[in-house]
């Protein structure tokens, strides 16, 4: 139980730091810093690594018995998550996303996977963490999946507010046409 509480605290801290650094107010303060996005990504990675290390080394309990179907479905979810991330990164300028070039916030992208779902990287993340729980079946993998799911929902709320500020009516129209996380089956 102690490991679960610690893991929840770590994920809350990570989510607050990650979301706080992504706000327009923080970006404005560091506008003159041309590599803000790179620093942001490095901080995100460096604060994620201890959480992953903790989760890999803390004692766990099995909450979902190992089962071939869990392995298959969980593996398919993880694979789908990585594939979704791969397709998503093709929509973005990877150098700008990572912080090696300035971001272009003048153009709202709505083609490709972005015509099916507004937040494909968040969808990819959810597929990977829930698929991992399916494969591992541990209390800590379940805790991580729940924490990240809550963070994704909160993160999307703030991200969408920021995108409305940046793109205005164009983003509001996009919200009406394209689902947030789950693509519509046609």
C-alpha atoms as a PDB file:
ATOM      1  CA  UNK A   1       0.000   0.000   0.000  1.00  0.00           C
ATOM      2  CA  UNK A   2       2.904   2.332   0.770  1.00  0.00           C
ATOM      3  CA  UNK A   3       4.238   1.876  -2.778  1.00  0.00           C
ATOM      4  CA  UNK A   4       0.861   2.797  -4.261  1.00  0.00           C
ATOM      5  CA  UNK A   5       0.609   5.965  -2.161  1.00  0.00           C
ATOM      6  CA  UNK A   6       4.149   6.989  -3.093  1.00  0.00           C
ATOM      7  CA  UNK A   7       3.500   6.286  -6.768  1.00  0.00           C
ATOM      8  CA  UNK A   8       0.321   8.406  -6.690  1.00  0.00           C
ATOM      9  CA  UNK A   9       2.241  11.259  -5.032  1.00  0.00           C
ATOM     10  CA  UNK A  10       4.995  10.983  -7.661  1.00  0.00           C
ATOM     11  CA  UNK A  11       2.460  11.072 -10.522  1.00  0.00           C
ATOM     12  CA  UNK A  12       0.614  14.052  -9.014  1.00  0.00           C
ATOM     13  CA  UNK A  13       3.911  15.922  -8.668  1.00  0.00           C
ATOM     14  CA  UNK A  14       4.902  15.012 -12.215  1.00  0.00           C
ATOM     15  CA  UNK A  15       1.528  16.084 -13.593  1.00  0.00           C
ATOM     16  CA  UNK A  16       1.608  19.428 -11.762  1.00  0.00           C
ATOM     17  CA  UNK A  17       5.155  20.171 -12.902  1.00  0.00           C
ATOM     18  CA  UNK A  18       4.496  19.069 -16.484  1.00  0.00           C
ATOM     19  CA  UNK A  19       1.247  21.056 -16.781  1.00  0.00           C
ATOM     20  CA  UNK A  20       2.635  24.093 -14.991  1.00  0.00           C
ATOM     21  CA  UNK A  21       5.629  24.319 -17.316  1.00  0.00           C
ATOM     22  CA  UNK A  22       3.344  24.055 -20.360  1.00  0.00           C
ATOM     23  CA  UNK A  23       1.189  27.080 -19.511  1.00  0.00           C
ATOM     24  CA  UNK A  24       1.232  30.165 -21.702  1.00  0.00           C
ATOM     25  CA  UNK A  25       2.273  32.261 -18.684  1.00  0.00           C
ATOM     26  CA  UNK A  26       5.425  30.199 -18.176  1.00  0.00           C
ATOM     27  CA  UNK A  27       6.144  30.174 -21.911  1.00  0.00           C
ATOM     28  CA  UNK A  28       5.831  33.975 -21.957  1.00  0.00           C
ATOM     29  CA  UNK A  29       8.356  34.324 -19.130  1.00  0.00           C
ATOM     30  CA  UNK A  30      10.858  32.250 -21.092  1.00  0.00           C
ATOM     31  CA  UNK A  31       9.995  33.591 -24.545  1.00  0.00           C
ATOM     32  CA  UNK A  32      13.521  34.929 -25.019  1.00  0.00           C
ATOM     33  CA  UNK A  33      14.899  31.460 -24.320  1.00  0.00           C
ATOM     34  CA  UNK A  34      14.933  29.943 -27.799  1.00  0.00           C
ATOM     35  CA  UNK A  35      15.252  26.403 -26.475  1.00  0.00           C
ATOM     36  CA  UNK A  36      12.365  26.501 -23.990  1.00  0.00           C
ATOM     37  CA  UNK A  37      10.730  23.431 -25.563  1.00  0.00           C
ATOM     38  CA  UNK A  38      13.980  21.467 -25.403  1.00  0.00           C
ATOM     39  CA  UNK A  39      14.439  22.345 -21.718  1.00  0.00           C
ATOM     40  CA  UNK A  40      10.767  21.482 -21.079  1.00  0.00           C
ATOM     41  CA  UNK A  41      11.226  18.059 -22.689  1.00  0.00           C
ATOM     42  CA  UNK A  42      14.445  17.392 -20.783  1.00  0.00           C
ATOM     43  CA  UNK A  43      12.750  18.266 -17.482  1.00  0.00           C
ATOM     44  CA  UNK A  44       9.814  16.012 -18.402  1.00  0.00           C
ATOM     45  CA  UNK A  45      12.176  13.132 -19.183  1.00  0.00           C
ATOM     46  CA  UNK A  46      14.427  13.630 -16.181  1.00  0.00           C
ATOM     47  CA  UNK A  47      11.462  13.760 -13.775  1.00  0.00           C
ATOM     48  CA  UNK A  48       9.831  10.736 -15.434  1.00  0.00           C
ATOM     49  CA  UNK A  49      12.875   8.460 -15.093  1.00  0.00           C
ATOM     50  CA  UNK A  50      12.823   8.260 -11.259  1.00  0.00           C
ATOM     51  CA  UNK A  51       9.106   7.389 -11.342  1.00  0.00           C
ATOM     52  CA  UNK A  52       9.727   4.588 -13.831  1.00  0.00           C
ATOM     53  CA  UNK A  53      12.699   3.399 -11.757  1.00  0.00           C
ATOM     54  CA  UNK A  54      10.575   3.407  -8.594  1.00  0.00           C
ATOM     55  CA  UNK A  55       7.770   1.511 -10.295  1.00  0.00           C
ATOM     56  CA  UNK A  56      10.170  -1.106 -11.668  1.00  0.00           C
ATOM     57  CA  UNK A  57      11.855  -1.684  -8.296  1.00  0.00           C
ATOM     58  CA  UNK A  58       9.022  -1.351  -5.762  1.00  0.00           C
ATOM     59  CA  UNK A  59       7.281  -4.482  -4.501  1.00  0.00           C
ATOM     60  CA  UNK A  60       4.123  -5.290  -6.468  1.00  0.00           C
ATOM     61  CA  UNK A  61       1.006  -7.362  -6.051  1.00  0.00           C
ATOM     62  CA  UNK A  62      -0.754  -9.120  -8.883  1.00  0.00           C
ATOM     63  CA  UNK A  63      -4.302  -7.754  -9.202  1.00  0.00           C
ATOM     64  CA  UNK A  64      -5.147  -9.388 -12.524  1.00  0.00           C
ATOM     65  CA  UNK A  65      -4.068 -12.983 -12.953  1.00  0.00           C
ATOM     66  CA  UNK A  66      -1.804 -13.731 -15.903  1.00  0.00           C
ATOM     67  CA  UNK A  67      -3.866 -14.936 -18.812  1.00  0.00           C
ATOM     68  CA  UNK A  68      -3.129 -15.470 -22.495  1.00  0.00           C
ATOM     69  CA  UNK A  69      -6.000 -13.182 -23.504  1.00  0.00           C
ATOM     70  CA  UNK A  70      -4.687 -10.402 -21.235  1.00  0.00           C
ATOM     71  CA  UNK A  71      -1.270 -10.743 -22.849  1.00  0.00           C
ATOM     72  CA  UNK A  72      -2.742 -10.656 -26.346  1.00  0.00           C
ATOM     73  CA  UNK A  73      -5.133  -7.751 -25.767  1.00  0.00           C
ATOM     74  CA  UNK A  74      -2.613  -5.834 -23.667  1.00  0.00           C
ATOM     75  CA  UNK A  75       0.078  -6.396 -26.265  1.00  0.00           C
ATOM     76  CA  UNK A  76      -2.256  -5.237 -29.032  1.00  0.00           C
ATOM     77  CA  UNK A  77      -3.052  -2.106 -27.037  1.00  0.00           C
ATOM     78  CA  UNK A  78       0.634  -1.354 -26.430  1.00  0.00           C
ATOM     79  CA  UNK A  79       1.419  -1.961 -30.101  1.00  0.00           C
ATOM     80  CA  UNK A  80      -1.510   0.213 -31.175  1.00  0.00           C
ATOM     81  CA  UNK A  81      -0.304   2.931 -28.815  1.00  0.00           C
ATOM     82  CA  UNK A  82       3.185   2.927 -30.294  1.00  0.00           C
ATOM     83  CA  UNK A  83       1.761   2.879 -33.825  1.00  0.00           C
ATOM     84  CA  UNK A  84      -0.557   5.801 -32.984  1.00  0.00           C
ATOM     85  CA  UNK A  85       2.411   7.729 -31.579  1.00  0.00           C
ATOM     86  CA  UNK A  86       4.446   6.965 -34.701  1.00  0.00           C
ATOM     87  CA  UNK A  87       1.658   8.223 -36.980  1.00  0.00           C
ATOM     88  CA  UNK A  88       1.149  11.257 -34.737  1.00  0.00           C
ATOM     89  CA  UNK A  89       4.787  12.291 -34.896  1.00  0.00           C
ATOM     90  CA  UNK A  90       4.564  12.271 -38.691  1.00  0.00           C
ATOM     91  CA  UNK A  91       1.993  15.090 -38.378  1.00  0.00           C
ATOM     92  CA  UNK A  92       4.327  17.299 -36.378  1.00  0.00           C
ATOM     93  CA  UNK A  93       7.663  18.895 -37.069  1.00  0.00           C
ATOM     94  CA  UNK A  94       9.691  16.568 -34.850  1.00  0.00           C
ATOM     95  CA  UNK A  95      12.590  19.013 -34.500  1.00  0.00           C
ATOM     96  CA  UNK A  96      10.166  21.686 -33.250  1.00  0.00           C
ATOM     97  CA  UNK A  97       8.301  19.192 -31.029  1.00  0.00           C
ATOM     98  CA  UNK A  98      11.546  18.168 -29.343  1.00  0.00           C
ATOM     99  CA  UNK A  99      12.719  21.768 -29.055  1.00  0.00           C
ATOM    100  CA  UNK A 100      15.515  21.917 -31.603  1.00  0.00           C
ATOM    101  CA  UNK A 101      13.620  24.456 -33.736  1.00  0.00           C
ATOM    102  CA  UNK A 102      11.013  27.109 -32.844  1.00  0.00           C
ATOM    103  CA  UNK A 103       7.386  25.939 -32.782  1.00  0.00           C
ATOM    104  CA  UNK A 104       5.034  27.187 -35.499  1.00  0.00           C
ATOM    105  CA  UNK A 105       1.847  28.185 -33.677  1.00  0.00           C
ATOM    106  CA  UNK A 106       0.359  30.095 -36.590  1.00  0.00           C
ATOM    107  CA  UNK A 107      -1.183  27.131 -38.375  1.00  0.00           C
ATOM    108  CA  UNK A 108      -3.781  24.769 -36.918  1.00  0.00           C
ATOM    109  CA  UNK A 109      -3.089  21.279 -38.237  1.00  0.00           C
ATOM    110  CA  UNK A 110      -6.176  19.152 -38.838  1.00  0.00           C
ATOM    111  CA  UNK A 111      -5.062  16.620 -41.464  1.00  0.00           C
ATOM    112  CA  UNK A 112      -4.093  12.967 -41.172  1.00  0.00           C
ATOM    113  CA  UNK A 113      -4.655  11.430 -37.750  1.00  0.00           C
ATOM    114  CA  UNK A 114      -5.603  14.900 -36.484  1.00  0.00           C
ATOM    115  CA  UNK A 115      -8.739  14.626 -38.632  1.00  0.00           C
ATOM    116  CA  UNK A 116      -9.772  11.577 -36.578  1.00  0.00           C
ATOM    117  CA  UNK A 117      -8.795  12.597 -33.043  1.00  0.00           C
ATOM    118  CA  UNK A 118      -7.650  15.915 -31.557  1.00  0.00           C
ATOM    119  CA  UNK A 119      -5.109  14.450 -29.132  1.00  0.00           C
ATOM    120  CA  UNK A 120      -3.522  11.387 -30.743  1.00  0.00           C
ATOM    121  CA  UNK A 121      -0.433  11.427 -28.502  1.00  0.00           C
ATOM    122  CA  UNK A 122      -2.610  11.336 -25.401  1.00  0.00           C
ATOM    123  CA  UNK A 123      -4.588   8.480 -26.982  1.00  0.00           C
ATOM    124  CA  UNK A 124      -1.303   6.674 -27.680  1.00  0.00           C
ATOM    125  CA  UNK A 125      -0.228   7.175 -24.065  1.00  0.00           C
ATOM    126  CA  UNK A 126      -3.494   5.744 -22.743  1.00  0.00           C
ATOM    127  CA  UNK A 127      -3.252   2.713 -25.019  1.00  0.00           C
ATOM    128  CA  UNK A 128       0.298   2.013 -23.829  1.00  0.00           C
ATOM    129  CA  UNK A 129      -0.362   2.387 -20.087  1.00  0.00           C
ATOM    130  CA  UNK A 130      -3.616   0.409 -20.086  1.00  0.00           C
ATOM    131  CA  UNK A 131      -2.108  -2.229 -22.382  1.00  0.00           C
ATOM    132  CA  UNK A 132       0.851  -2.474 -20.003  1.00  0.00           C
ATOM    133  CA  UNK A 133      -1.540  -3.078 -17.138  1.00  0.00           C
ATOM    134  CA  UNK A 134      -3.170  -5.816 -19.221  1.00  0.00           C
ATOM    135  CA  UNK A 135       0.184  -7.502 -19.733  1.00  0.00           C
ATOM    136  CA  UNK A 136       1.647  -6.956 -16.250  1.00  0.00           C
ATOM    137  CA  UNK A 137      -1.513  -7.074 -14.139  1.00  0.00           C
ATOM    138  CA  UNK A 138       0.151  -5.442 -11.110  1.00  0.00           C
ATOM    139  CA  UNK A 139      -1.183  -2.960  -8.594  1.00  0.00           C
ATOM    140  CA  UNK A 140       1.478  -0.422  -9.611  1.00  0.00           C
ATOM    141  CA  UNK A 141       0.794  -0.733 -13.350  1.00  0.00           C
ATOM    142  CA  UNK A 142      -2.909  -0.225 -12.593  1.00  0.00           C
ATOM    143  CA  UNK A 143      -2.105   2.775 -10.372  1.00  0.00           C
ATOM    144  CA  UNK A 144       0.025   4.289 -13.132  1.00  0.00           C
ATOM    145  CA  UNK A 145      -2.722   3.729 -15.719  1.00  0.00           C
ATOM    146  CA  UNK A 146      -5.305   5.416 -13.479  1.00  0.00           C
ATOM    147  CA  UNK A 147      -3.006   8.344 -12.593  1.00  0.00           C
ATOM    148  CA  UNK A 148      -2.006   8.937 -16.203  1.00  0.00           C
ATOM    149  CA  UNK A 149      -5.641   8.694 -17.332  1.00  0.00           C
ATOM    150  CA  UNK A 150      -6.618  11.378 -14.822  1.00  0.00           C
ATOM    151  CA  UNK A 151      -3.630  13.493 -15.797  1.00  0.00           C
ATOM    152  CA  UNK A 152      -4.473  13.167 -19.504  1.00  0.00           C
ATOM    153  CA  UNK A 153      -8.022  14.357 -18.871  1.00  0.00           C
ATOM    154  CA  UNK A 154      -6.840  17.336 -16.821  1.00  0.00           C
ATOM    155  CA  UNK A 155      -4.018  18.035 -19.280  1.00  0.00           C
ATOM    156  CA  UNK A 156      -6.437  18.049 -22.206  1.00  0.00           C
ATOM    157  CA  UNK A 157      -8.663  20.539 -20.398  1.00  0.00           C
ATOM    158  CA  UNK A 158      -5.796  23.016 -20.022  1.00  0.00           C
ATOM    159  CA  UNK A 159      -4.334  22.249 -23.450  1.00  0.00           C
ATOM    160  CA  UNK A 160      -7.659  22.933 -25.126  1.00  0.00           C
ATOM    161  CA  UNK A 161      -8.054  26.243 -23.285  1.00  0.00           C
ATOM    162  CA  UNK A 162      -4.584  27.209 -24.501  1.00  0.00           C
ATOM    163  CA  UNK A 163      -5.363  26.146 -28.081  1.00  0.00           C
ATOM    164  CA  UNK A 164      -8.582  28.190 -28.087  1.00  0.00           C
ATOM    165  CA  UNK A 165      -6.508  31.186 -26.958  1.00  0.00           C
ATOM    166  CA  UNK A 166      -4.011  30.614 -29.765  1.00  0.00           C
ATOM    167  CA  UNK A 167      -6.345  29.640 -32.643  1.00  0.00           C
ATOM    168  CA  UNK A 168      -9.721  31.071 -31.541  1.00  0.00           C
ATOM    169  CA  UNK A 169     -12.793  30.159 -33.614  1.00  0.00           C
ATOM    170  CA  UNK A 170     -10.803  27.825 -35.862  1.00  0.00           C
ATOM    171  CA  UNK A 171     -10.058  25.586 -32.870  1.00  0.00           C
ATOM    172  CA  UNK A 172     -13.615  25.818 -31.542  1.00  0.00           C
ATOM    173  CA  UNK A 173     -14.887  24.649 -34.947  1.00  0.00           C
ATOM    174  CA  UNK A 174     -12.296  21.862 -34.935  1.00  0.00           C
ATOM    175  CA  UNK A 175     -13.506  20.757 -31.474  1.00  0.00           C
ATOM    176  CA  UNK A 176     -17.047  20.447 -32.850  1.00  0.00           C
ATOM    177  CA  UNK A 177     -15.947  18.273 -35.779  1.00  0.00           C
ATOM    178  CA  UNK A 178     -13.238  16.019 -34.349  1.00  0.00           C
ATOM    179  CA  UNK A 179     -13.485  13.921 -31.159  1.00  0.00           C
ATOM    180  CA  UNK A 180     -11.054  14.506 -28.320  1.00  0.00           C
ATOM    181  CA  UNK A 181      -9.659  10.995 -27.790  1.00  0.00           C
ATOM    182  CA  UNK A 182     -11.810   8.255 -29.269  1.00  0.00           C
ATOM    183  CA  UNK A 183     -12.155   8.336 -33.058  1.00  0.00           C
ATOM    184  CA  UNK A 184     -15.680   8.014 -34.419  1.00  0.00           C
ATOM    185  CA  UNK A 185     -16.418   4.774 -36.200  1.00  0.00           C
ATOM    186  CA  UNK A 186     -18.042   5.605 -39.511  1.00  0.00           C
END
